[in-house]
């Protein structure tokens, strides 16, 4: 698990100010540039590290299966 250190502080995403009227791609770009690493940040005092399981089914596969069950 990633732990921030005084020499490597994590940005708090609550401080990111993104204009909600901008196009999605622009908002994503601004968010990524404001947090420097969108996979590692903090929310208040809580450090967050986003990890993905390479062996997990894709989001598309999960949504397709969900739609099939709802029919």
Foldseek 3Di string as FASTA:
>chain_A
DDDADPVRAWAALVPQDADPVDDPVVRVVSSCVVRVHPQWHAHVPRTGGDDDDPPDDDPVVVVVVVVVVVD
